C-alpha atoms as a PDB file:
ATOM      1  CA  UNK A   1       0.000   0.000   0.000  1.00  0.00           C
ATOM      2  CA  UNK A   2       1.306   3.452  -0.923  1.00  0.00           C
ATOM      3  CA  UNK A   3       1.799   5.716   2.037  1.00  0.00           C
ATOM      4  CA  UNK A   4      -0.032   9.015   2.331  1.00  0.00           C
ATOM      5  CA  UNK A   5       3.245  10.972   2.163  1.00  0.00           C
ATOM      6  CA  UNK A   6       4.403   9.257  -1.045  1.00  0.00           C
ATOM      7  CA  UNK A   7       1.009   9.818  -2.636  1.00  0.00           C
ATOM      8  CA  UNK A   8       1.173  13.571  -1.987  1.00  0.00           C
ATOM      9  CA  UNK A   9       4.803  13.738  -3.162  1.00  0.00           C
ATOM     10  CA  UNK A  10       3.824  12.092  -6.457  1.00  0.00           C
ATOM     11  CA  UNK A  11       0.790  14.340  -6.863  1.00  0.00           C
ATOM     12  CA  UNK A  12       2.934  17.427  -6.244  1.00  0.00           C
ATOM     13  CA  UNK A  13       5.391  16.270  -8.916  1.00  0.00           C
ATOM     14  CA  UNK A  14       2.593  15.782 -11.444  1.00  0.00           C
ATOM     15  CA  UNK A  15       1.118  19.209 -10.701  1.00  0.00           C
ATOM     16  CA  UNK A  16       4.554  20.794 -11.020  1.00  0.00           C
ATOM     17  CA  UNK A  17       5.058  19.323 -14.513  1.00  0.00           C
ATOM     18  CA  UNK A  18       1.618  20.228 -15.913  1.00  0.00           C
ATOM     19  CA  UNK A  19       1.619  23.533 -17.835  1.00  0.00           C
ATOM     20  CA  UNK A  20      -0.560  26.319 -16.464  1.00  0.00           C
ATOM     21  CA  UNK A  21      -4.163  26.295 -17.666  1.00  0.00           C
ATOM     22  CA  UNK A  22      -7.412  27.959 -16.637  1.00  0.00           C
ATOM     23  CA  UNK A  23      -9.943  26.195 -14.432  1.00  0.00           C
ATOM     24  CA  UNK A  24     -12.160  24.032 -16.619  1.00  0.00           C
ATOM     25  CA  UNK A  25      -9.757  24.123 -19.558  1.00  0.00           C
ATOM     26  CA  UNK A  26      -8.632  20.717 -20.721  1.00  0.00           C
ATOM     27  CA  UNK A  27      -4.975  19.716 -20.797  1.00  0.00           C
ATOM     28  CA  UNK A  28      -3.803  18.684 -24.254  1.00  0.00           C
ATOM     29  CA  UNK A  29      -2.368  15.216 -23.615  1.00  0.00           C
ATOM     30  CA  UNK A  30      -0.765  15.010 -27.071  1.00  0.00           C
ATOM     31  CA  UNK A  31       1.058  18.284 -26.464  1.00  0.00           C
ATOM     32  CA  UNK A  32       2.341  17.039 -23.126  1.00  0.00           C
ATOM     33  CA  UNK A  33       3.523  13.728 -24.545  1.00  0.00           C
ATOM     34  CA  UNK A  34       4.635  14.681 -28.055  1.00  0.00           C
ATOM     35  CA  UNK A  35       5.606  18.339 -27.710  1.00  0.00           C
ATOM     36  CA  UNK A  36       4.547  21.500 -29.467  1.00  0.00           C
ATOM     37  CA  UNK A  37       1.048  22.237 -30.734  1.00  0.00           C
ATOM     38  CA  UNK A  38       2.451  23.504 -34.013  1.00  0.00           C
ATOM     39  CA  UNK A  39       2.329  21.066 -36.870  1.00  0.00           C
ATOM     40  CA  UNK A  40       5.655  19.914 -38.206  1.00  0.00           C
ATOM     41  CA  UNK A  41       5.983  20.930 -41.817  1.00  0.00           C
ATOM     42  CA  UNK A  42       8.697  19.853 -44.206  1.00  0.00           C
ATOM     43  CA  UNK A  43      11.397  22.415 -44.838  1.00  0.00           C
ATOM     44  CA  UNK A  44      11.558  24.041 -48.278  1.00  0.00           C
ATOM     45  CA  UNK A  45      15.119  22.827 -49.003  1.00  0.00           C
ATOM     46  CA  UNK A  46      13.968  19.254 -48.363  1.00  0.00           C
ATOM     47  CA  UNK A  47      11.044  19.704 -50.751  1.00  0.00           C
ATOM     48  CA  UNK A  48      12.898  21.578 -53.512  1.00  0.00           C
ATOM     49  CA  UNK A  49      13.709  18.541 -55.682  1.00  0.00           C
ATOM     50  CA  UNK A  50      10.169  17.169 -55.418  1.00  0.00           C
ATOM     51  CA  UNK A  51       8.602  20.529 -56.253  1.00  0.00           C
ATOM     52  CA  UNK A  52      10.823  20.826 -59.342  1.00  0.00           C
ATOM     53  CA  UNK A  53       9.910  17.307 -60.437  1.00  0.00           C
ATOM     54  CA  UNK A  54       6.187  18.022 -60.051  1.00  0.00           C
ATOM     55  CA  UNK A  55       6.547  21.321 -61.940  1.00  0.00           C
ATOM     56  CA  UNK A  56       8.183  19.603 -64.923  1.00  0.00           C
ATOM     57  CA  UNK A  57       6.264  16.296 -64.842  1.00  0.00           C
ATOM     58  CA  UNK A  58       2.753  16.313 -63.309  1.00  0.00           C
ATOM     59  CA  UNK A  59       2.559  12.513 -63.675  1.00  0.00           C
ATOM     60  CA  UNK A  60       5.492  12.171 -61.273  1.00  0.00           C
ATOM     61  CA  UNK A  61       3.256  13.135 -58.326  1.00  0.00           C
ATOM     62  CA  UNK A  62       0.707  10.525 -59.425  1.00  0.00           C
ATOM     63  CA  UNK A  63       3.391   7.848 -59.539  1.00  0.00           C
ATOM     64  CA  UNK A  64       4.357   8.723 -55.939  1.00  0.00           C
ATOM     65  CA  UNK A  65       0.795   8.017 -54.803  1.00  0.00           C
ATOM     66  CA  UNK A  66       0.781   4.525 -56.304  1.00  0.00           C
ATOM     67  CA  UNK A  67       1.302   1.625 -53.868  1.00  0.00           C
ATOM     68  CA  UNK A  68       4.814   0.251 -53.959  1.00  0.00           C
ATOM     69  CA  UNK A  69       6.278   3.441 -55.415  1.00  0.00           C
END
């Protein structure tokens, strides 16, 4: 059985780690576990070659969508 003191120590640790929020406002579990609320978008330099390929060959994008491509 967990002692009363250990229970309160654990509860205090949890409350310390939770970001501030208004009463009644939900806590975003995904943000707590996975990080920022902002979506992660690919960087332009990483997409440059694909964007060029799509610009010159529209069928290239269709081939990427095919299973096994």
